[in-house]
Amino acid sequence: MIIGTITMIGVASLLAASLPQGTASSPVKAPPPPRVLADDMGKADLPAFREAVRQARAAFDVGDFAAAAAAYETAVSANPKDAKAPYNLGVARYRAGEFEAAAEAFAKSAQRAESDLAASAMYNQGTSAYAQALQAIEPQQPAAGPANSPDPQIGVPPSSEPANAPDLQGAIDAVAKALTHFKDSATADTSDSDSRTNAETAHTLLKELRKQQEKQQKQDQEQE
């Protein structure tokens, strides 16, 4: 059975309510991306690292986040001790909409970083997991019109096909990860009230999502 949008409004609203201020009003909007950090260019005498960072920053300047991410991947490999390059890789992946890859990059930064940056990286792992959860619960409308259309929403009648069901299990998994990362961030920085608040909210969201999943499973069984 396909879950209607109305069924998911409560969950989506709960998710949206937990996001940082400045988030758009849509109930399924990803949190604002973290800010890119200033790279430690002076600390590395590795030409490959410096050139990769230069290319990454140039790509950021023109909004080419895929290219920025590719360049930061090179920088991360060129200087295994640097913690800001994987952090900025996470920012680039996040801005490109690649939230799972963003979380992985922030995790690498947390492993390399000192306490303050590590806490920030763990926090943004949580933010990335939230964004994954939002993607998972948003019903995906089947595409209308040619696949190569530059903007399928312009001049194309809406599809009569029902939206695909939101991925409740995917959302549950993502929120569970967010909860873990927010807890880790709060542990790393005991003064971080945002992480503690978000951990509490994630716990509430997790319970709500699981209730939605149980309700859906019961409905499916009744229709069999």
C-alpha atoms as a PDB file:
ATOM      1  CA  MET A   1       0.000   0.000   0.000  1.00  0.00           C
ATOM      2  CA  ILE A   2       1.253   3.485  -0.889  1.00  0.00           C
ATOM      3  CA  ILE A   3       1.399   5.916   2.007  1.00  0.00           C
ATOM      4  CA  GLY A   4      -0.330   9.162   1.144  1.00  0.00           C
ATOM      5  CA  THR A   5       1.277  12.526   1.731  1.00  0.00           C
ATOM      6  CA  ILE A   6      -1.224  13.325   4.480  1.00  0.00           C
ATOM      7  CA  THR A   7      -0.156  10.234   6.416  1.00  0.00           C
ATOM      8  CA  MET A   8       3.402  11.551   6.507  1.00  0.00           C
ATOM      9  CA  ILE A   9       2.649  15.216   7.275  1.00  0.00           C
ATOM     10  CA  GLY A  10       3.000  14.729  11.031  1.00  0.00           C
ATOM     11  CA  VAL A  11       6.405  13.086  10.703  1.00  0.00           C
ATOM     12  CA  ALA A  12       7.648  15.633   8.186  1.00  0.00           C
ATOM     13  CA  SER A  13       6.463  18.492  10.376  1.00  0.00           C
ATOM     14  CA  LEU A  14       8.288  17.036  13.372  1.00  0.00           C
ATOM     15  CA  LEU A  15      11.445  16.783  11.310  1.00  0.00           C
ATOM     16  CA  ALA A  16      11.098  20.341  10.067  1.00  0.00           C
ATOM     17  CA  ALA A  17      10.484  21.666  13.579  1.00  0.00           C
ATOM     18  CA  SER A  18      13.855  20.302  14.710  1.00  0.00           C
ATOM     19  CA  LEU A  19      15.901  22.039  12.028  1.00  0.00           C
ATOM     20  CA  PRO A  20      17.997  25.175  12.514  1.00  0.00           C
ATOM     21  CA  GLN A  21      16.372  28.588  12.111  1.00  0.00           C
ATOM     22  CA  GLY A  22      16.388  29.906   8.565  1.00  0.00           C
ATOM     23  CA  THR A  23      15.194  26.636   7.081  1.00  0.00           C
ATOM     24  CA  ALA A  24      12.594  27.064   4.390  1.00  0.00           C
ATOM     25  CA  SER A  25       8.971  26.504   5.376  1.00  0.00           C
ATOM     26  CA  SER A  26       8.602  23.288   3.382  1.00  0.00           C
ATOM     27  CA  PRO A  27       8.171  20.300   5.726  1.00  0.00           C
ATOM     28  CA  VAL A  28      10.620  18.280   3.650  1.00  0.00           C
ATOM     29  CA  LYS A  29      13.450  20.748   3.195  1.00  0.00           C
ATOM     30  CA  ALA A  30      17.010  19.774   4.038  1.00  0.00           C
ATOM     31  CA  PRO A  31      18.757  21.732   6.798  1.00  0.00           C
ATOM     32  CA  PRO A  32      20.946  24.646   5.691  1.00  0.00           C
ATOM     33  CA  PRO A  33      24.432  23.471   4.712  1.00  0.00           C
ATOM     34  CA  PRO A  34      27.347  23.993   7.097  1.00  0.00           C
ATOM     35  CA  ARG A  35      29.830  26.691   6.241  1.00  0.00           C
ATOM     36  CA  VAL A  36      33.075  25.888   4.506  1.00  0.00           C
ATOM     37  CA  LEU A  37      36.154  26.430   6.692  1.00  0.00           C
ATOM     38  CA  ALA A  38      39.299  28.336   5.835  1.00  0.00           C
ATOM     39  CA  ASP A  39      41.863  25.771   4.678  1.00  0.00           C
ATOM     40  CA  ASP A  40      45.239  25.506   6.446  1.00  0.00           C
ATOM     41  CA  MET A  41      47.269  26.228   3.334  1.00  0.00           C
ATOM     42  CA  GLY A  42      50.261  27.438   5.293  1.00  0.00           C
ATOM     43  CA  LYS A  43      50.554  24.232   7.290  1.00  0.00           C
ATOM     44  CA  ALA A  44      51.131  21.975   4.319  1.00  0.00           C
ATOM     45  CA  ASP A  45      54.225  21.971   2.151  1.00  0.00           C
ATOM     46  CA  LEU A  46      52.650  19.373  -0.144  1.00  0.00           C
ATOM     47  CA  PRO A  47      52.219  20.786  -3.678  1.00  0.00           C
ATOM     48  CA  ALA A  48      49.471  18.316  -4.578  1.00  0.00           C
ATOM     49  CA  PHE A  49      47.496  19.254  -1.474  1.00  0.00           C
ATOM     50  CA  ARG A  50      47.821  22.986  -2.076  1.00  0.00           C
ATOM     51  CA  GLU A  51      46.826  22.685  -5.724  1.00  0.00           C
ATOM     52  CA  ALA A  52      43.828  20.488  -4.910  1.00  0.00           C
ATOM     53  CA  VAL A  53      42.624  22.952  -2.286  1.00  0.00           C
ATOM     54  CA  ARG A  54      43.081  25.847  -4.713  1.00  0.00           C
ATOM     55  CA  GLN A  55      40.945  24.038  -7.287  1.00  0.00           C
ATOM     56  CA  ALA A  56      38.329  23.181  -4.667  1.00  0.00           C
ATOM     57  CA  ARG A  57      37.981  26.785  -3.509  1.00  0.00           C
ATOM     58  CA  ALA A  58      37.738  28.002  -7.106  1.00  0.00           C
ATOM     59  CA  ALA A  59      34.943  25.490  -7.722  1.00  0.00           C
ATOM     60  CA  PHE A  60      33.155  26.614  -4.543  1.00  0.00           C
ATOM     61  CA  ASP A  61      33.329  30.219  -5.737  1.00  0.00           C
ATOM     62  CA  VAL A  62      31.328  29.380  -8.879  1.00  0.00           C
ATOM     63  CA  GLY A  63      28.944  26.985  -7.158  1.00  0.00           C
ATOM     64  CA  ASP A  64      30.337  23.835  -8.782  1.00  0.00           C
ATOM     65  CA  PHE A  65      30.082  21.648  -5.687  1.00  0.00           C
ATOM     66  CA  ALA A  66      30.669  18.378  -7.528  1.00  0.00           C
ATOM     67  CA  ALA A  67      34.005  19.698  -8.795  1.00  0.00           C
ATOM     68  CA  ALA A  68      34.808  21.090  -5.350  1.00  0.00           C
ATOM     69  CA  ALA A  69      34.141  17.687  -3.815  1.00  0.00           C
ATOM     70  CA  ALA A  70      36.352  15.945  -6.368  1.00  0.00           C
ATOM     71  CA  ALA A  71      39.205  18.363  -5.647  1.00  0.00           C
ATOM     72  CA  TYR A  72      38.818  17.967  -1.900  1.00  0.00           C
ATOM     73  CA  GLU A  73      38.934  14.182  -2.335  1.00  0.00           C
ATOM     74  CA  THR A  74      42.386  14.700  -3.830  1.00  0.00           C
ATOM     75  CA  ALA A  75      43.360  17.005  -0.980  1.00  0.00           C
ATOM     76  CA  VAL A  76      42.213  14.500   1.637  1.00  0.00           C
ATOM     77  CA  SER A  77      44.388  11.823   0.054  1.00  0.00           C
ATOM     78  CA  ALA A  78      47.363  14.160  -0.394  1.00  0.00           C
ATOM     79  CA  ASN A  79      47.492  15.214   3.258  1.00  0.00           C
ATOM     80  CA  PRO A  80      46.246  12.434   5.573  1.00  0.00           C
ATOM     81  CA  LYS A  81      46.788  14.558   8.692  1.00  0.00           C
ATOM     82  CA  ASP A  82      44.663  17.533   7.670  1.00  0.00           C
ATOM     83  CA  ALA A  83      41.202  17.660   9.278  1.00  0.00           C
ATOM     84  CA  LYS A  84      39.742  20.653   7.460  1.00  0.00           C
ATOM     85  CA  ALA A  85      39.944  19.144   3.982  1.00  0.00           C
ATOM     86  CA  PRO A  86      37.608  16.240   4.814  1.00  0.00           C
ATOM     87  CA  TYR A  87      35.348  18.679   6.677  1.00  0.00           C
ATOM     88  CA  ASN A  88      35.113  20.909   3.607  1.00  0.00           C
ATOM     89  CA  LEU A  89      34.634  17.808   1.486  1.00  0.00           C
ATOM     90  CA  GLY A  90      31.595  17.119   3.663  1.00  0.00           C
ATOM     91  CA  VAL A  91      30.314  20.647   3.035  1.00  0.00           C
ATOM     92  CA  ALA A  92      30.753  20.196  -0.724  1.00  0.00           C
ATOM     93  CA  ARG A  93      28.991  16.825  -0.700  1.00  0.00           C
ATOM     94  CA  TYR A  94      26.182  18.299   1.398  1.00  0.00           C
ATOM     95  CA  ARG A  95      25.723  21.222  -0.979  1.00  0.00           C
ATOM     96  CA  ALA A  96      25.644  18.764  -3.872  1.00  0.00           C
ATOM     97  CA  GLY A  97      22.815  16.877  -2.165  1.00  0.00           C
ATOM     98  CA  GLU A  98      24.982  13.829  -1.440  1.00  0.00           C
ATOM     99  CA  PHE A  99      24.098  13.564   2.236  1.00  0.00           C
ATOM    100  CA  GLU A 100      25.393  10.056   2.923  1.00  0.00           C
ATOM    101  CA  ALA A 101      28.768  10.914   1.360  1.00  0.00           C
ATOM    102  CA  ALA A 102      28.764  14.163   3.344  1.00  0.00           C
ATOM    103  CA  ALA A 103      28.314  12.248   6.591  1.00  0.00           C
ATOM    104  CA  GLU A 104      31.222   9.964   5.690  1.00  0.00           C
ATOM    105  CA  ALA A 105      33.475  12.971   5.038  1.00  0.00           C
ATOM    106  CA  PHE A 106      32.515  14.613   8.329  1.00  0.00           C
ATOM    107  CA  ALA A 107      33.278  11.314  10.077  1.00  0.00           C
ATOM    108  CA  LYS A 108      36.776  11.326   8.610  1.00  0.00           C
ATOM    109  CA  SER A 109      37.264  14.916   9.732  1.00  0.00           C
ATOM    110  CA  ALA A 110      36.141  14.018  13.260  1.00  0.00           C
ATOM    111  CA  GLN A 111      38.736  11.238  13.368  1.00  0.00           C
ATOM    112  CA  ARG A 112      41.533  13.614  12.381  1.00  0.00           C
ATOM    113  CA  ALA A 113      40.483  16.766  14.233  1.00  0.00           C
ATOM    114  CA  GLU A 114      41.130  18.285  17.633  1.00  0.00           C
ATOM    115  CA  SER A 115      38.219  18.545  20.059  1.00  0.00           C
ATOM    116  CA  ASP A 116      36.429  21.670  18.793  1.00  0.00           C
ATOM    117  CA  LEU A 117      36.522  20.754  15.123  1.00  0.00           C
ATOM    118  CA  ALA A 118      35.759  17.122  15.944  1.00  0.00           C
ATOM    119  CA  ALA A 119      32.603  18.160  17.791  1.00  0.00           C
ATOM    120  CA  SER A 120      31.541  20.339  14.860  1.00  0.00           C
ATOM    121  CA  ALA A 121      32.189  17.501  12.412  1.00  0.00           C
ATOM    122  CA  MET A 122      30.118  15.082  14.507  1.00  0.00           C
ATOM    123  CA  TYR A 123      27.322  17.643  14.714  1.00  0.00           C
ATOM    124  CA  ASN A 124      27.293  17.917  10.928  1.00  0.00           C
ATOM    125  CA  GLN A 125      27.215  14.142  10.629  1.00  0.00           C
ATOM    126  CA  GLY A 126      23.930  14.459  12.476  1.00  0.00           C
ATOM    127  CA  THR A 127      22.761  17.262  10.203  1.00  0.00           C
ATOM    128  CA  SER A 128      23.589  15.160   7.151  1.00  0.00           C
ATOM    129  CA  ALA A 129      21.640  12.224   8.580  1.00  0.00           C
ATOM    130  CA  TYR A 130      18.650  14.512   9.149  1.00  0.00           C
ATOM    131  CA  ALA A 131      18.798  15.548   5.509  1.00  0.00           C
ATOM    132  CA  GLN A 132      18.856  11.856   4.516  1.00  0.00           C
ATOM    133  CA  ALA A 133      15.765  11.278   6.638  1.00  0.00           C
ATOM    134  CA  LEU A 134      13.951  14.153   4.973  1.00  0.00           C
ATOM    135  CA  GLN A 135      14.747  12.707   1.566  1.00  0.00           C
ATOM    136  CA  ALA A 136      13.523   9.301   2.639  1.00  0.00           C
ATOM    137  CA  ILE A 137      10.100  10.439   3.835  1.00  0.00           C
ATOM    138  CA  GLU A 138       9.359  12.716   0.896  1.00  0.00           C
ATOM    139  CA  PRO A 139       7.033  10.953  -1.578  1.00  0.00           C
ATOM    140  CA  GLN A 140       8.685  10.931  -4.989  1.00  0.00           C
ATOM    141  CA  GLN A 141       6.353  11.825  -7.874  1.00  0.00           C
ATOM    142  CA  PRO A 142       7.069   9.801 -11.052  1.00  0.00           C
ATOM    143  CA  ALA A 143       8.745  11.944 -13.683  1.00  0.00           C
ATOM    144  CA  ALA A 144       6.545  13.431 -16.405  1.00  0.00           C
ATOM    145  CA  GLY A 145       7.863  14.158 -19.866  1.00  0.00           C
ATOM    146  CA  PRO A 146      11.190  13.258 -21.491  1.00  0.00           C
ATOM    147  CA  ALA A 147      14.006  12.216 -19.189  1.00  0.00           C
ATOM    148  CA  ASN A 148      16.329  14.714 -20.865  1.00  0.00           C
ATOM    149  CA  SER A 149      13.967  17.664 -20.430  1.00  0.00           C
ATOM    150  CA  PRO A 150      15.897  20.622 -18.972  1.00  0.00           C
ATOM    151  CA  ASP A 151      12.999  21.407 -16.633  1.00  0.00           C
ATOM    152  CA  PRO A 152      10.264  18.743 -16.578  1.00  0.00           C
ATOM    153  CA  GLN A 153       8.014  21.019 -14.501  1.00  0.00           C
ATOM    154  CA  ILE A 154       7.671  23.580 -17.280  1.00  0.00           C
ATOM    155  CA  GLY A 155       4.971  22.981 -19.871  1.00  0.00           C
ATOM    156  CA  VAL A 156       4.479  19.325 -18.917  1.00  0.00           C
ATOM    157  CA  PRO A 157       1.183  18.082 -17.506  1.00  0.00           C
ATOM    158  CA  PRO A 158       1.451  16.483 -14.069  1.00  0.00           C
ATOM    159  CA  SER A 159       1.758  12.730 -13.943  1.00  0.00           C
ATOM    160  CA  SER A 160      -1.398  10.781 -13.172  1.00  0.00           C
ATOM    161  CA  GLU A 161       0.696   8.094 -11.487  1.00  0.00           C
ATOM    162  CA  PRO A 162       0.652   8.000  -7.673  1.00  0.00           C
ATOM    163  CA  ALA A 163       3.722   9.132  -5.779  1.00  0.00           C
ATOM    164  CA  ASN A 164       6.110   6.452  -4.646  1.00  0.00           C
ATOM    165  CA  ALA A 165       5.825   5.549  -0.981  1.00  0.00           C
ATOM    166  CA  PRO A 166       8.180   7.336   1.403  1.00  0.00           C
ATOM    167  CA  ASP A 167      11.016   5.148   2.628  1.00  0.00           C
ATOM    168  CA  LEU A 168      10.111   4.825   6.298  1.00  0.00           C
ATOM    169  CA  GLN A 169      12.867   2.329   7.070  1.00  0.00           C
ATOM    170  CA  GLY A 170      15.409   4.586   5.399  1.00  0.00           C
ATOM    171  CA  ALA A 171      14.183   7.506   7.479  1.00  0.00           C
ATOM    172  CA  ILE A 172      14.360   5.425  10.665  1.00  0.00           C
ATOM    173  CA  ASP A 173      17.929   4.376   9.900  1.00  0.00           C
ATOM    174  CA  ALA A 174      18.955   7.966   9.106  1.00  0.00           C
ATOM    175  CA  VAL A 175      17.386   9.449  12.245  1.00  0.00           C
ATOM    176  CA  ALA A 176      19.004   6.728  14.361  1.00  0.00           C
ATOM    177  CA  LYS A 177      22.367   7.762  12.909  1.00  0.00           C
ATOM    178  CA  ALA A 178      21.575  11.421  13.566  1.00  0.00           C
ATOM    179  CA  LEU A 179      20.774  10.595  17.184  1.00  0.00           C
ATOM    180  CA  THR A 180      24.125   8.840  17.609  1.00  0.00           C
ATOM    181  CA  HIS A 181      26.071  11.710  16.036  1.00  0.00           C
ATOM    182  CA  PHE A 182      24.313  14.393  18.085  1.00  0.00           C
ATOM    183  CA  LYS A 183      25.046  12.395  21.250  1.00  0.00           C
ATOM    184  CA  ASP A 184      28.694  12.088  20.225  1.00  0.00           C
ATOM    185  CA  SER A 185      28.878  15.812  19.540  1.00  0.00           C
ATOM    186  CA  ALA A 186      27.335  16.646  22.917  1.00  0.00           C
ATOM    187  CA  THR A 187      29.838  14.343  24.619  1.00  0.00           C
ATOM    188  CA  ALA A 188      32.767  15.952  22.790  1.00  0.00           C
ATOM    189  CA  ASP A 189      31.594  19.454  23.703  1.00  0.00           C
ATOM    190  CA  THR A 190      29.633  19.474  26.954  1.00  0.00           C
ATOM    191  CA  SER A 191      28.676  23.145  26.421  1.00  0.00           C
ATOM    192  CA  ASP A 192      26.939  22.347  23.130  1.00  0.00           C
ATOM    193  CA  SER A 193      23.253  22.729  24.000  1.00  0.00           C
ATOM    194  CA  ASP A 194      22.209  22.465  20.338  1.00  0.00           C
ATOM    195  CA  SER A 195      23.520  18.920  20.091  1.00  0.00           C
ATOM    196  CA  ARG A 196      21.714  17.892  23.280  1.00  0.00           C
ATOM    197  CA  THR A 197      18.466  19.457  22.085  1.00  0.00           C
ATOM    198  CA  ASN A 198      18.753  17.832  18.674  1.00  0.00           C
ATOM    199  CA  ALA A 199      19.508  14.465  20.262  1.00  0.00           C
ATOM    200  CA  GLU A 200      16.303  14.722  22.276  1.00  0.00           C
ATOM    201  CA  THR A 201      14.342  15.716  19.183  1.00  0.00           C
ATOM    202  CA  ALA A 202      15.871  12.883  17.158  1.00  0.00           C
ATOM    203  CA  HIS A 203      14.814  10.442  19.868  1.00  0.00           C
ATOM    204  CA  THR A 204      11.236  11.736  19.629  1.00  0.00           C
ATOM    205  CA  LEU A 205      11.326  11.543  15.835  1.00  0.00           C
ATOM    206  CA  LEU A 206      12.593   7.995  15.961  1.00  0.00           C
ATOM    207  CA  LYS A 207       9.678   6.922  18.112  1.00  0.00           C
ATOM    208  CA  GLU A 208       7.204   8.687  15.804  1.00  0.00           C
ATOM    209  CA  LEU A 209       8.671   7.114  12.680  1.00  0.00           C
ATOM    210  CA  ARG A 210       8.524   3.665  14.259  1.00  0.00           C
ATOM    211  CA  LYS A 211       4.874   4.224  15.176  1.00  0.00           C
ATOM    212  CA  GLN A 212       4.175   5.213  11.574  1.00  0.00           C
ATOM    213  CA  GLN A 213       5.954   2.080  10.384  1.00  0.00           C
ATOM    214  CA  GLU A 214       3.956  -0.155  12.744  1.00  0.00           C
ATOM    215  CA  LYS A 215       0.730   1.492  11.593  1.00  0.00           C
ATOM    216  CA  GLN A 216       1.648   0.928   7.966  1.00  0.00           C
ATOM    217  CA  GLN A 217       2.560  -2.709   8.565  1.00  0.00           C
ATOM    218  CA  LYS A 218      -0.778  -3.253  10.319  1.00  0.00           C
ATOM    219  CA  GLN A 219      -2.642  -1.683   7.374  1.00  0.00           C
ATOM    220  CA  ASP A 220      -0.759  -3.907   4.936  1.00  0.00           C
ATOM    221  CA  GLN A 221      -1.639  -7.021   6.947  1.00  0.00           C
ATOM    222  CA  GLU A 222      -5.319  -6.066   7.040  1.00  0.00           C
ATOM    223  CA  GLN A 223      -5.402  -5.749   3.262  1.00  0.00           C
ATOM    224  CA  GLU A 224      -3.828  -9.147   2.629  1.00  0.00           C
END
